[in-house]
Amino acid sequence: MLAAADWALLAVAVACQGLRALGLLLAGPLRPDHPFIRWAASVAQATLAAFVVLAVAAPSGALAAIPWAARLAGAGAAMAVLAATDRILAALLAGLACTLAAWALLG
């Protein structure tokens, strides 16, 4: 049986995929700066941000073994690299490297 968090993740994934499909249907007739398109993008970004905050602040599973300070350092490094480079892969790798380095230092 799935835990409540798993059901929540599944519901959000289905909702995001629904918004994505709707966005693809509307992509032709609507401009990228149309209010509906901006709203859908904002909802998707907010949902992702909520799950990132949840993963850092109150993780479960294997991530819970990583100290809070290491998770916070990794998130901060990822945000800094993303702000500086606007490259998601670079930010992901920097965040992961910083998390692992902080975890090694903190024991």
Protein backbone atom coordinates (compact mmCIF):
# COMPACT_ATOMS: atom_id res chain seq x y z
CA MET A 1 0.00 0.00 0.00
CA LEU A 2 1.24 3.49 -0.78
CA ALA A 3 2.00 5.96 2.00
CA ALA A 4 0.27 9.34 2.12
CA ALA A 5 3.37 11.10 0.78
CA ASP A 6 3.48 8.70 -2.17
CA TRP A 7 -0.18 9.41 -2.96
CA ALA A 8 0.52 13.15 -2.77
CA LEU A 9 3.48 12.82 -5.12
CA LEU A 10 1.43 10.73 -7.53
CA ALA A 11 -1.43 13.26 -7.47
CA VAL A 12 0.92 16.15 -8.18
CA ALA A 13 2.65 14.22 -10.97
CA VAL A 14 -0.71 13.47 -12.60
CA ALA A 15 -1.83 17.09 -12.22
CA CYS A 16 1.43 18.39 -13.69
CA GLN A 17 1.19 16.00 -16.62
CA GLY A 18 -2.40 17.13 -17.17
CA LEU A 19 -1.30 20.76 -17.19
CA ARG A 20 1.52 19.87 -19.54
CA ALA A 21 -0.85 18.12 -21.94
CA LEU A 22 -3.26 21.05 -21.80
CA GLY A 23 -0.36 23.39 -22.42
CA LEU A 24 0.65 21.41 -25.49
CA LEU A 25 -2.91 21.61 -26.82
CA LEU A 26 -3.00 25.36 -26.27
CA ALA A 27 0.56 26.04 -27.38
CA GLY A 28 -0.44 26.63 -30.98
CA PRO A 29 -3.15 29.28 -30.61
CA LEU A 30 -1.79 31.00 -27.48
CA ARG A 31 1.31 33.13 -27.20
CA PRO A 32 3.95 32.23 -24.56
CA ASP A 33 3.09 35.43 -22.67
CA HIS A 34 -0.64 34.63 -22.54
CA PRO A 35 -1.97 34.78 -18.95
CA PHE A 36 -3.10 31.13 -18.97
CA ILE A 37 0.30 29.90 -20.14
CA ARG A 38 2.04 32.03 -17.51
CA TRP A 39 -0.36 30.71 -14.85
CA ALA A 40 0.28 27.07 -15.79
CA ALA A 41 4.04 27.61 -15.74
CA SER A 42 3.78 29.30 -12.34
CA VAL A 43 1.76 26.42 -10.87
CA ALA A 44 4.28 23.88 -12.15
CA GLN A 45 7.20 25.88 -10.75
CA ALA A 46 5.50 26.35 -7.38
CA THR A 47 4.78 22.63 -7.12
CA LEU A 48 8.39 21.76 -7.87
CA ALA A 49 9.60 24.34 -5.35
CA ALA A 50 7.32 22.87 -2.67
CA PHE A 51 8.73 19.39 -3.20
CA VAL A 52 12.31 20.67 -3.11
CA VAL A 53 11.63 22.46 0.18
CA LEU A 54 9.99 19.32 1.56
CA ALA A 55 12.96 17.18 0.50
CA VAL A 56 15.40 19.56 2.22
CA ALA A 57 13.38 20.35 5.35
CA ALA A 58 11.68 17.04 6.13
CA PRO A 59 13.08 14.21 4.01
CA SER A 60 12.20 10.56 4.32
CA GLY A 61 14.06 7.45 3.35
CA ALA A 62 17.77 7.57 2.56
CA LEU A 63 17.81 11.37 2.32
CA ALA A 64 16.89 11.59 6.02
CA ALA A 65 20.34 10.20 6.91
CA ILE A 66 22.03 13.30 5.45
CA PRO A 67 22.45 16.05 8.06
CA TRP A 68 20.15 19.07 7.72
CA ALA A 69 23.11 21.44 7.34
CA ALA A 70 24.49 19.40 4.42
CA ARG A 71 21.10 19.38 2.67
CA LEU A 72 20.78 23.13 3.21
CA ALA A 73 24.30 23.78 1.91
CA GLY A 74 23.58 21.73 -1.20
CA ALA A 75 20.34 23.58 -1.87
CA GLY A 76 22.08 26.91 -1.40
CA ALA A 77 24.90 25.96 -3.75
CA ALA A 78 22.44 24.77 -6.38
CA MET A 79 20.46 28.02 -6.19
CA ALA A 80 23.63 30.11 -6.40
CA VAL A 81 24.90 28.24 -9.47
CA LEU A 82 21.48 28.42 -11.11
CA ALA A 83 21.30 32.17 -10.51
CA ALA A 84 24.82 32.67 -11.87
CA THR A 85 24.67 30.40 -14.92
CA ASP A 86 20.97 29.73 -15.62
CA ARG A 87 21.94 26.11 -16.30
CA ILE A 88 19.91 23.50 -14.47
CA LEU A 89 22.40 20.63 -14.93
CA ALA A 90 25.28 22.72 -13.57
CA ALA A 91 23.12 23.70 -10.60
CA LEU A 92 22.12 20.10 -9.95
CA LEU A 93 25.70 18.87 -10.06
CA ALA A 94 26.96 21.73 -7.85
CA GLY A 95 24.21 21.08 -5.32
CA LEU A 96 24.96 17.38 -5.25
CA ALA A 97 28.71 17.96 -4.91
CA CYS A 98 28.21 20.49 -2.12
CA THR A 99 25.78 18.20 -0.29
CA LEU A 100 28.22 15.29 -0.45
CA ALA A 101 31.17 17.45 0.61
CA ALA A 102 29.25 18.91 3.55
CA TRP A 103 28.04 15.44 4.54
CA ALA A 104 31.63 14.16 4.51
CA LEU A 105 32.78 17.11 6.63
CA LEU A 106 29.92 16.81 9.11
CA GLY A 107 30.25 13.06 9.37
